[in-house]
Amino acid sequence: MEEKGTSPVTAFDSRFTTNKIQMLKVLMAWIPPSQQGMFAVYIKFLELQYTASLLGSPRARLGDGRHLSADFFSGDNSDTIELLDELLPYSSPAEHSRIEGMKNMLQSMGKMKEIMEMAEMMKDMFPEGFGDGTDNPMDILSGMAGMSGMDLSSILQT
């Protein structure tokens, strides 16, 4: 099993337990195997009971209240990428592959958005065109994207 370190999962686990419960978990290894099952249920019951007592308490808050961007496709996706990075250590190989794919897609969308913004800036700077018969920098980018099999209009809405 890989080392998890101090993660949101560890923060959650330590927030919703007590020293007494932690000591019972250590004691678990010293109990005869025939009694460990019921003892484990008792420990989980104590954790649930303690968690329920914290509901509504400011002590129960985890983290700094982070949240994902509401403007997922055209906004800054760094928060979503950060979340995906935090999920990676807990994912199976198949999930890992999907998460990496999502990260790559989000990063590509961000790069395409930058390119589109640059094209708009060029269009504003050179309203008369480029002198080579191409009047619209978006046409150039669309042509480049078409060569790579991408459809700019479906990827980014400006």
N, C-alpha and C. Protein backbone atom coordinates (compact mmCIF):
# COMPACT_ATOMS: atom_id res chain seq x y z
N MET A 1 0.84 -1.18 0.00
CA MET A 1 0.00 0.00 0.00
C MET A 1 0.88 1.23 0.00
N GLU A 2 0.52 2.23 -0.81
CA GLU A 2 1.38 3.39 -0.89
C GLU A 2 1.17 4.34 0.27
N GLU A 3 2.20 5.12 0.55
CA GLU A 3 2.18 6.05 1.67
C GLU A 3 1.26 7.22 1.34
N LYS A 4 0.32 7.50 2.20
CA LYS A 4 -0.66 8.54 1.95
C LYS A 4 -0.26 9.88 2.58
N GLY A 5 0.52 9.87 3.65
CA GLY A 5 0.95 11.10 4.29
C GLY A 5 -0.22 11.85 4.90
N THR A 6 -0.07 13.17 5.00
CA THR A 6 -1.16 13.99 5.52
C THR A 6 -2.02 14.43 4.34
N SER A 7 -3.14 13.82 4.22
CA SER A 7 -4.03 14.07 3.10
C SER A 7 -5.39 14.49 3.64
N PRO A 8 -6.29 14.89 2.74
CA PRO A 8 -7.65 15.20 3.21
C PRO A 8 -8.31 14.01 3.90
N VAL A 9 -7.97 12.79 3.46
CA VAL A 9 -8.54 11.59 4.09
C VAL A 9 -8.02 11.47 5.52
N THR A 10 -6.72 11.66 5.71
CA THR A 10 -6.13 11.60 7.04
C THR A 10 -6.72 12.70 7.93
N ALA A 11 -6.89 13.89 7.36
CA ALA A 11 -7.48 14.99 8.13
C ALA A 11 -8.89 14.65 8.57
N PHE A 12 -9.66 14.04 7.68
CA PHE A 12 -11.02 13.63 8.01
C PHE A 12 -11.00 12.59 9.12
N ASP A 13 -10.16 11.56 8.95
CA ASP A 13 -10.10 10.49 9.95
C ASP A 13 -9.69 11.02 11.32
N SER A 14 -8.73 11.93 11.35
CA SER A 14 -8.28 12.43 12.66
C SER A 14 -9.28 13.41 13.27
N ARG A 15 -10.06 14.10 12.44
CA ARG A 15 -11.03 15.07 12.94
C ARG A 15 -12.21 14.38 13.61
N PHE A 16 -12.60 13.21 13.07
CA PHE A 16 -13.81 12.54 13.55
C PHE A 16 -13.49 11.33 14.42
N THR A 17 -12.50 11.50 15.27
CA THR A 17 -12.16 10.45 16.22
C THR A 17 -11.64 11.11 17.49
N THR A 18 -11.43 10.29 18.51
CA THR A 18 -10.88 10.78 19.77
C THR A 18 -9.66 9.94 20.12
N ASN A 19 -8.91 10.39 21.10
CA ASN A 19 -7.76 9.60 21.56
C ASN A 19 -8.21 8.24 22.10
N LYS A 20 -9.36 8.22 22.75
CA LYS A 20 -9.89 6.95 23.28
C LYS A 20 -10.13 5.96 22.14
N ILE A 21 -10.73 6.44 21.07
CA ILE A 21 -11.00 5.56 19.91
C ILE A 21 -9.68 5.11 19.28
N GLN A 22 -8.73 5.98 19.19
CA GLN A 22 -7.42 5.61 18.62
C GLN A 22 -6.76 4.53 19.49
N MET A 23 -6.86 4.67 20.80
CA MET A 23 -6.27 3.68 21.70
C MET A 23 -6.97 2.33 21.54
N LEU A 24 -8.30 2.36 21.32
CA LEU A 24 -9.02 1.10 21.10
C LEU A 24 -8.55 0.42 19.80
N LYS A 25 -8.22 1.22 18.81
CA LYS A 25 -7.72 0.65 17.55
C LYS A 25 -6.36 -0.03 17.76
N VAL A 26 -5.53 0.55 18.61
CA VAL A 26 -4.24 -0.08 18.93
C VAL A 26 -4.48 -1.37 19.71
N LEU A 27 -5.40 -1.32 20.64
CA LEU A 27 -5.73 -2.48 21.46
C LEU A 27 -6.28 -3.64 20.62
N MET A 28 -6.90 -3.31 19.50
CA MET A 28 -7.51 -4.32 18.62
C MET A 28 -6.52 -5.44 18.27
N ALA A 29 -5.27 -5.10 18.03
CA ALA A 29 -4.28 -6.11 17.64
C ALA A 29 -3.96 -7.08 18.78
N TRP A 30 -4.29 -6.71 20.00
CA TRP A 30 -3.98 -7.53 21.16
C TRP A 30 -5.16 -8.41 21.60
N ILE A 31 -6.26 -8.27 20.91
CA ILE A 31 -7.46 -9.04 21.26
C ILE A 31 -7.46 -10.34 20.45
N PRO A 32 -7.94 -11.43 21.03
CA PRO A 32 -8.01 -12.69 20.27
C PRO A 32 -8.81 -12.51 18.98
N PRO A 33 -8.35 -13.12 17.89
CA PRO A 33 -9.03 -12.97 16.60
C PRO A 33 -10.53 -13.26 16.64
N SER A 34 -10.94 -14.18 17.47
CA SER A 34 -12.36 -14.52 17.54
C SER A 34 -13.21 -13.36 18.07
N GLN A 35 -12.60 -12.40 18.78
CA GLN A 35 -13.34 -11.28 19.35
C GLN A 35 -13.12 -9.97 18.59
N GLN A 36 -12.22 -9.99 17.61
CA GLN A 36 -11.88 -8.75 16.90
C GLN A 36 -13.04 -8.20 16.07
N GLY A 37 -13.85 -9.08 15.49
CA GLY A 37 -14.96 -8.61 14.66
C GLY A 37 -15.92 -7.73 15.43
N MET A 38 -16.36 -8.21 16.57
CA MET A 38 -17.30 -7.44 17.37
C MET A 38 -16.64 -6.16 17.92
N PHE A 39 -15.36 -6.27 18.25
CA PHE A 39 -14.62 -5.11 18.76
C PHE A 39 -14.52 -4.04 17.66
N ALA A 40 -14.29 -4.46 16.41
CA ALA A 40 -14.22 -3.53 15.29
C ALA A 40 -15.56 -2.81 15.10
N VAL A 41 -16.65 -3.54 15.23
CA VAL A 41 -17.98 -2.93 15.11
C VAL A 41 -18.17 -1.90 16.23
N TYR A 42 -17.73 -2.23 17.43
CA TYR A 42 -17.84 -1.30 18.57
C TYR A 42 -17.05 -0.02 18.29
N ILE A 43 -15.84 -0.16 17.74
CA ILE A 43 -15.02 1.02 17.43
C ILE A 43 -15.72 1.89 16.38
N LYS A 44 -16.25 1.27 15.34
CA LYS A 44 -16.96 2.02 14.31
C LYS A 44 -18.21 2.70 14.88
N PHE A 45 -18.88 2.03 15.79
CA PHE A 45 -20.04 2.64 16.44
C PHE A 45 -19.61 3.89 17.21
N LEU A 46 -18.51 3.80 17.96
CA LEU A 46 -18.02 4.96 18.70
C LEU A 46 -17.66 6.11 17.76
N GLU A 47 -17.05 5.79 16.62
CA GLU A 47 -16.71 6.83 15.64
C GLU A 47 -17.97 7.49 15.10
N LEU A 48 -18.99 6.70 14.79
CA LEU A 48 -20.25 7.25 14.29
C LEU A 48 -20.91 8.12 15.35
N GLN A 49 -20.91 7.65 16.57
CA GLN A 49 -21.51 8.40 17.67
C GLN A 49 -20.79 9.74 17.86
N TYR A 50 -19.47 9.72 17.82
CA TYR A 50 -18.69 10.94 17.99
C TYR A 50 -18.93 11.90 16.83
N THR A 51 -18.97 11.37 15.61
CA THR A 51 -19.21 12.20 14.43
C THR A 51 -20.58 12.85 14.52
N ALA A 52 -21.59 12.11 14.92
CA ALA A 52 -22.94 12.66 15.06
C ALA A 52 -22.97 13.77 16.09
N SER A 53 -22.18 13.64 17.14
CA SER A 53 -22.16 14.69 18.18
C SER A 53 -21.52 15.98 17.67
N LEU A 54 -20.71 15.88 16.61
CA LEU A 54 -20.04 17.06 16.08
C LEU A 54 -20.87 17.81 15.04
N LEU A 55 -21.95 17.21 14.55
CA LEU A 55 -22.74 17.85 13.50
C LEU A 55 -23.13 19.26 13.93
N GLY A 56 -22.91 20.20 13.04
CA GLY A 56 -23.24 21.58 13.34
C GLY A 56 -22.17 22.32 14.12
N SER A 57 -21.17 21.60 14.57
CA SER A 57 -20.09 22.22 15.33
C SER A 57 -19.05 22.81 14.38
N PRO A 58 -18.53 24.00 14.68
CA PRO A 58 -17.48 24.56 13.83
C PRO A 58 -16.22 23.67 13.81
N ARG A 59 -16.04 22.85 14.85
CA ARG A 59 -14.88 21.96 14.89
C ARG A 59 -14.96 20.89 13.82
N ALA A 60 -16.15 20.63 13.29
CA ALA A 60 -16.33 19.57 12.31
C ALA A 60 -15.91 19.98 10.91
N ARG A 61 -15.65 21.26 10.69
CA ARG A 61 -15.23 21.72 9.36
C ARG A 61 -13.89 21.13 8.98
N LEU A 62 -13.77 20.80 7.73
CA LEU A 62 -12.51 20.31 7.19
C LEU A 62 -11.98 21.29 6.16
N GLY A 63 -10.71 21.55 6.20
CA GLY A 63 -10.10 22.38 5.17
C GLY A 63 -10.53 23.83 5.27
N ASP A 64 -10.33 24.53 4.16
CA ASP A 64 -10.59 25.97 4.12
C ASP A 64 -11.84 26.32 3.32
N GLY A 65 -12.74 25.36 3.18
CA GLY A 65 -13.97 25.63 2.45
C GLY A 65 -13.76 25.74 0.96
N ARG A 66 -12.82 25.01 0.42
CA ARG A 66 -12.57 25.07 -1.02
C ARG A 66 -13.79 24.56 -1.77
N HIS A 67 -13.94 25.03 -2.98
CA HIS A 67 -15.02 24.55 -3.83
C HIS A 67 -14.59 24.63 -5.28
N LEU A 68 -15.27 23.87 -6.12
CA LEU A 68 -14.94 23.85 -7.53
C LEU A 68 -15.55 25.06 -8.23
N SER A 69 -14.88 25.48 -9.28
CA SER A 69 -15.36 26.60 -10.08
C SER A 69 -16.72 26.29 -10.66
N ALA A 70 -17.63 27.24 -10.59
CA ALA A 70 -18.96 27.03 -11.18
C ALA A 70 -18.91 27.14 -12.69
N ASP A 71 -17.89 27.83 -13.21
CA ASP A 71 -17.74 28.03 -14.65
C ASP A 71 -16.73 27.01 -15.18
N PHE A 72 -17.12 25.74 -15.11
CA PHE A 72 -16.21 24.62 -15.34
C PHE A 72 -15.49 24.67 -16.68
N PHE A 73 -16.20 24.90 -17.78
CA PHE A 73 -15.59 24.77 -19.09
C PHE A 73 -14.90 26.03 -19.60
N SER A 74 -15.28 27.19 -19.11
CA SER A 74 -14.61 28.38 -19.63
C SER A 74 -13.86 29.15 -18.54
N GLY A 75 -13.91 28.67 -17.33
CA GLY A 75 -13.22 29.35 -16.24
C GLY A 75 -11.86 28.73 -15.95
N ASP A 76 -11.30 29.13 -14.84
CA ASP A 76 -10.02 28.58 -14.38
C ASP A 76 -10.28 27.22 -13.75
N ASN A 77 -9.66 26.19 -14.30
CA ASN A 77 -9.89 24.83 -13.82
C ASN A 77 -8.80 24.33 -12.88
N SER A 78 -7.98 25.21 -12.36
CA SER A 78 -6.88 24.77 -11.49
C SER A 78 -7.41 24.08 -10.24
N ASP A 79 -8.58 24.52 -9.74
CA ASP A 79 -9.16 23.87 -8.56
C ASP A 79 -9.59 22.44 -8.87
N THR A 80 -10.13 22.23 -10.06
CA THR A 80 -10.55 20.89 -10.46
C THR A 80 -9.34 19.99 -10.65
N ILE A 81 -8.29 20.51 -11.24
CA ILE A 81 -7.06 19.73 -11.43
C ILE A 81 -6.45 19.38 -10.09
N GLU A 82 -6.50 20.31 -9.13
CA GLU A 82 -5.99 20.04 -7.79
C GLU A 82 -6.78 18.91 -7.12
N LEU A 83 -8.10 18.95 -7.28
CA LEU A 83 -8.95 17.88 -6.73
C LEU A 83 -8.59 16.54 -7.36
N LEU A 84 -8.43 16.51 -8.68
CA LEU A 84 -8.07 15.26 -9.35
C LEU A 84 -6.73 14.73 -8.86
N ASP A 85 -5.77 15.63 -8.63
CA ASP A 85 -4.47 15.21 -8.09
C ASP A 85 -4.62 14.59 -6.71
N GLU A 86 -5.53 15.12 -5.90
CA GLU A 86 -5.74 14.57 -4.55
C GLU A 86 -6.43 13.22 -4.60
N LEU A 87 -7.21 12.96 -5.64
CA LEU A 87 -7.91 11.67 -5.77
C LEU A 87 -6.99 10.57 -6.29
N LEU A 88 -5.94 10.92 -7.02
CA LEU A 88 -5.08 9.92 -7.66
C LEU A 88 -4.53 8.85 -6.72
N PRO A 89 -4.02 9.19 -5.53
CA PRO A 89 -3.44 8.14 -4.68
C PRO A 89 -4.43 7.08 -4.23
N TYR A 90 -5.72 7.37 -4.30
CA TYR A 90 -6.74 6.45 -3.81
C TYR A 90 -7.47 5.72 -4.94
N SER A 91 -6.99 5.90 -6.16
CA SER A 91 -7.70 5.33 -7.30
C SER A 91 -7.07 4.02 -7.76
N SER A 92 -7.92 3.18 -8.34
CA SER A 92 -7.43 1.93 -8.94
C SER A 92 -6.69 2.28 -10.24
N PRO A 93 -5.97 1.35 -10.83
CA PRO A 93 -5.27 1.65 -12.08
C PRO A 93 -6.21 2.18 -13.18
N ALA A 94 -7.40 1.60 -13.31
CA ALA A 94 -8.34 2.06 -14.33
C ALA A 94 -8.83 3.48 -14.00
N GLU A 95 -9.14 3.73 -12.74
CA GLU A 95 -9.57 5.07 -12.33
C GLU A 95 -8.43 6.06 -12.51
N HIS A 96 -7.22 5.64 -12.20
CA HIS A 96 -6.04 6.49 -12.37
C HIS A 96 -5.94 6.95 -13.82
N SER A 97 -6.13 6.02 -14.73
CA SER A 97 -6.05 6.34 -16.16
C SER A 97 -7.13 7.34 -16.55
N ARG A 98 -8.35 7.15 -16.06
CA ARG A 98 -9.45 8.07 -16.38
C ARG A 98 -9.20 9.46 -15.79
N ILE A 99 -8.70 9.50 -14.57
CA ILE A 99 -8.43 10.79 -13.94
C ILE A 99 -7.34 11.52 -14.70
N GLU A 100 -6.30 10.82 -15.09
CA GLU A 100 -5.23 11.45 -15.88
C GLU A 100 -5.79 11.97 -17.20
N GLY A 101 -6.70 11.21 -17.82
CA GLY A 101 -7.34 11.65 -19.06
C GLY A 101 -8.14 12.92 -18.85
N MET A 102 -8.86 12.99 -17.74
CA MET A 102 -9.64 14.20 -17.43
C MET A 102 -8.72 15.39 -17.21
N LYS A 103 -7.63 15.17 -16.49
CA LYS A 103 -6.67 16.25 -16.27
C LYS A 103 -6.10 16.75 -17.60
N ASN A 104 -5.72 15.81 -18.47
CA ASN A 104 -5.17 16.19 -19.78
C ASN A 104 -6.20 16.98 -20.59
N MET A 105 -7.46 16.56 -20.55
CA MET A 105 -8.51 17.26 -21.28
C MET A 105 -8.66 18.69 -20.75
N LEU A 106 -8.69 18.84 -19.42
CA LEU A 106 -8.84 20.17 -18.83
C LEU A 106 -7.66 21.06 -19.18
N GLN A 107 -6.45 20.50 -19.14
CA GLN A 107 -5.28 21.28 -19.47
C GLN A 107 -5.29 21.67 -20.95
N SER A 108 -5.72 20.77 -21.81
CA SER A 108 -5.82 21.07 -23.24
C SER A 108 -6.86 22.16 -23.50
N MET A 109 -7.98 22.07 -22.79
CA MET A 109 -9.00 23.10 -22.94
C MET A 109 -8.45 24.46 -22.51
N GLY A 110 -7.67 24.49 -21.45
CA GLY A 110 -7.07 25.74 -21.00
C GLY A 110 -6.11 26.31 -22.04
N LYS A 111 -5.33 25.44 -22.66
CA LYS A 111 -4.40 25.90 -23.70
C LYS A 111 -5.16 26.41 -24.91
N MET A 112 -6.23 25.71 -25.30
CA MET A 112 -7.03 26.16 -26.44
C MET A 112 -7.68 27.50 -26.15
N LYS A 113 -8.12 27.70 -24.92
CA LYS A 113 -8.72 28.98 -24.55
C LYS A 113 -7.69 30.09 -24.67
N GLU A 114 -6.46 29.84 -24.24
CA GLU A 114 -5.40 30.83 -24.38
C GLU A 114 -5.14 31.15 -25.85
N ILE A 115 -5.13 30.13 -26.70
CA ILE A 115 -4.92 30.33 -28.13
C ILE A 115 -6.05 31.18 -28.72
N MET A 116 -7.27 30.89 -28.32
CA MET A 116 -8.42 31.64 -28.82
C MET A 116 -8.35 33.10 -28.37
N GLU A 117 -7.94 33.33 -27.14
CA GLU A 117 -7.80 34.69 -26.65
C GLU A 117 -6.71 35.42 -27.42
N MET A 118 -5.62 34.72 -27.73
CA MET A 118 -4.55 35.33 -28.51
C MET A 118 -5.04 35.66 -29.92
N ALA A 119 -5.84 34.77 -30.50
CA ALA A 119 -6.38 35.02 -31.84
C ALA A 119 -7.29 36.24 -31.83
N GLU A 120 -8.09 36.38 -30.81
CA GLU A 120 -8.95 37.55 -30.70
C GLU A 120 -8.11 38.82 -30.57
N MET A 121 -7.03 38.74 -29.79
CA MET A 121 -6.14 39.89 -29.64
C MET A 121 -5.51 40.25 -30.98
N MET A 122 -5.08 39.23 -31.74
CA MET A 122 -4.49 39.48 -33.06
C MET A 122 -5.52 40.10 -33.99
N LYS A 123 -6.76 39.64 -33.90
CA LYS A 123 -7.82 40.18 -34.74
C LYS A 123 -8.03 41.65 -34.43
N ASP A 124 -7.96 42.02 -33.16
CA ASP A 124 -8.11 43.42 -32.77
C ASP A 124 -6.91 44.25 -33.22
N MET A 125 -5.72 43.65 -33.17
CA MET A 125 -4.51 44.38 -33.56
C MET A 125 -4.40 44.54 -35.07
N PHE A 126 -4.89 43.56 -35.83
CA PHE A 126 -4.78 43.57 -37.28
C PHE A 126 -6.17 43.43 -37.91
N PRO A 127 -7.02 44.44 -37.76
CA PRO A 127 -8.38 44.31 -38.29
C PRO A 127 -8.43 44.18 -39.81
N GLU A 128 -7.36 44.63 -40.49
CA GLU A 128 -7.35 44.55 -41.95
C GLU A 128 -6.92 43.19 -42.47
N GLY A 129 -6.52 42.30 -41.59
CA GLY A 129 -6.09 40.96 -41.98
C GLY A 129 -4.57 40.86 -41.99
N PHE A 130 -4.07 39.75 -42.52
CA PHE A 130 -2.64 39.51 -42.50
C PHE A 130 -1.97 39.78 -43.84
N GLY A 131 -2.69 40.20 -44.83
CA GLY A 131 -2.08 40.50 -46.12
C GLY A 131 -1.86 39.26 -46.97
N ASP A 132 -2.22 38.08 -46.48
CA ASP A 132 -2.02 36.86 -47.27
C ASP A 132 -3.35 36.28 -47.71
N GLY A 133 -4.39 37.12 -47.68
CA GLY A 133 -5.71 36.66 -48.09
C GLY A 133 -6.51 36.10 -46.93
N THR A 134 -5.90 35.93 -45.76
CA THR A 134 -6.60 35.42 -44.58
C THR A 134 -7.02 36.60 -43.75
N ASP A 135 -8.31 36.79 -43.60
CA ASP A 135 -8.82 37.94 -42.86
C ASP A 135 -9.05 37.65 -41.39
N ASN A 136 -9.22 36.41 -41.06
CA ASN A 136 -9.63 36.07 -39.71
C ASN A 136 -8.64 35.08 -39.08
N PRO A 137 -7.98 35.48 -37.98
CA PRO A 137 -7.06 34.55 -37.32
C PRO A 137 -7.76 33.29 -36.84
N MET A 138 -9.07 33.37 -36.60
CA MET A 138 -9.82 32.19 -36.19
C MET A 138 -9.83 31.15 -37.30
N ASP A 139 -9.84 31.62 -38.57
CA ASP A 139 -9.79 30.69 -39.70
C ASP A 139 -8.48 29.92 -39.70
N ILE A 140 -7.39 30.61 -39.40
CA ILE A 140 -6.08 29.95 -39.34
C ILE A 140 -6.09 28.89 -38.25
N LEU A 141 -6.56 29.28 -37.05
CA LEU A 141 -6.59 28.33 -35.94
C LEU A 141 -7.53 27.16 -36.22
N SER A 142 -8.67 27.45 -36.85
CA SER A 142 -9.60 26.37 -37.18
C SER A 142 -8.97 25.41 -38.17
N GLY A 143 -8.24 25.95 -39.12
CA GLY A 143 -7.55 25.09 -40.08
C GLY A 143 -6.50 24.23 -39.41
N MET A 144 -5.76 24.83 -38.46
CA MET A 144 -4.74 24.06 -37.73
C MET A 144 -5.41 22.98 -36.89
N ALA A 145 -6.51 23.33 -36.25
CA ALA A 145 -7.21 22.36 -35.41
C ALA A 145 -7.79 21.25 -36.28
N GLY A 146 -8.32 21.61 -37.45
CA GLY A 146 -8.88 20.61 -38.35
C GLY A 146 -7.84 19.60 -38.79
N MET A 147 -6.59 20.06 -38.99
CA MET A 147 -5.51 19.14 -39.38
C MET A 147 -5.22 18.15 -38.27
N SER A 148 -5.46 18.57 -37.02
CA SER A 148 -5.18 17.67 -35.90
C SER A 148 -6.42 16.87 -35.48
N GLY A 149 -7.54 17.07 -36.20
CA GLY A 149 -8.75 16.31 -35.90
C GLY A 149 -9.59 16.91 -34.80
N MET A 150 -9.34 18.15 -34.43
CA MET A 150 -10.10 18.80 -33.38
C MET A 150 -11.14 19.74 -33.98
N ASP A 151 -12.22 19.95 -33.29
CA ASP A 151 -13.24 20.90 -33.70
C ASP A 151 -13.26 22.01 -32.67
N LEU A 152 -12.66 23.16 -33.02
CA LEU A 152 -12.52 24.26 -32.06
C LEU A 152 -13.88 24.74 -31.55
N SER A 153 -14.87 24.80 -32.41
CA SER A 153 -16.16 25.35 -31.98
C SER A 153 -16.80 24.50 -30.90
N SER A 154 -16.56 23.19 -30.95
CA SER A 154 -17.16 22.34 -29.91
C SER A 154 -16.33 22.29 -28.64
N ILE A 155 -15.04 22.63 -28.75
CA ILE A 155 -14.18 22.60 -27.57
C ILE A 155 -14.33 23.86 -26.75
N LEU A 156 -14.29 25.01 -27.45
CA LEU A 156 -14.36 26.27 -26.72
C LEU A 156 -15.44 27.15 -27.28
N GLN A 157 -16.20 27.72 -26.41
CA GLN A 157 -17.23 28.70 -26.79
C GLN A 157 -16.73 30.03 -26.29
N THR A 158 -16.43 30.96 -27.19
CA THR A 158 -15.95 32.28 -26.77
C THR A 158 -17.03 33.30 -26.79
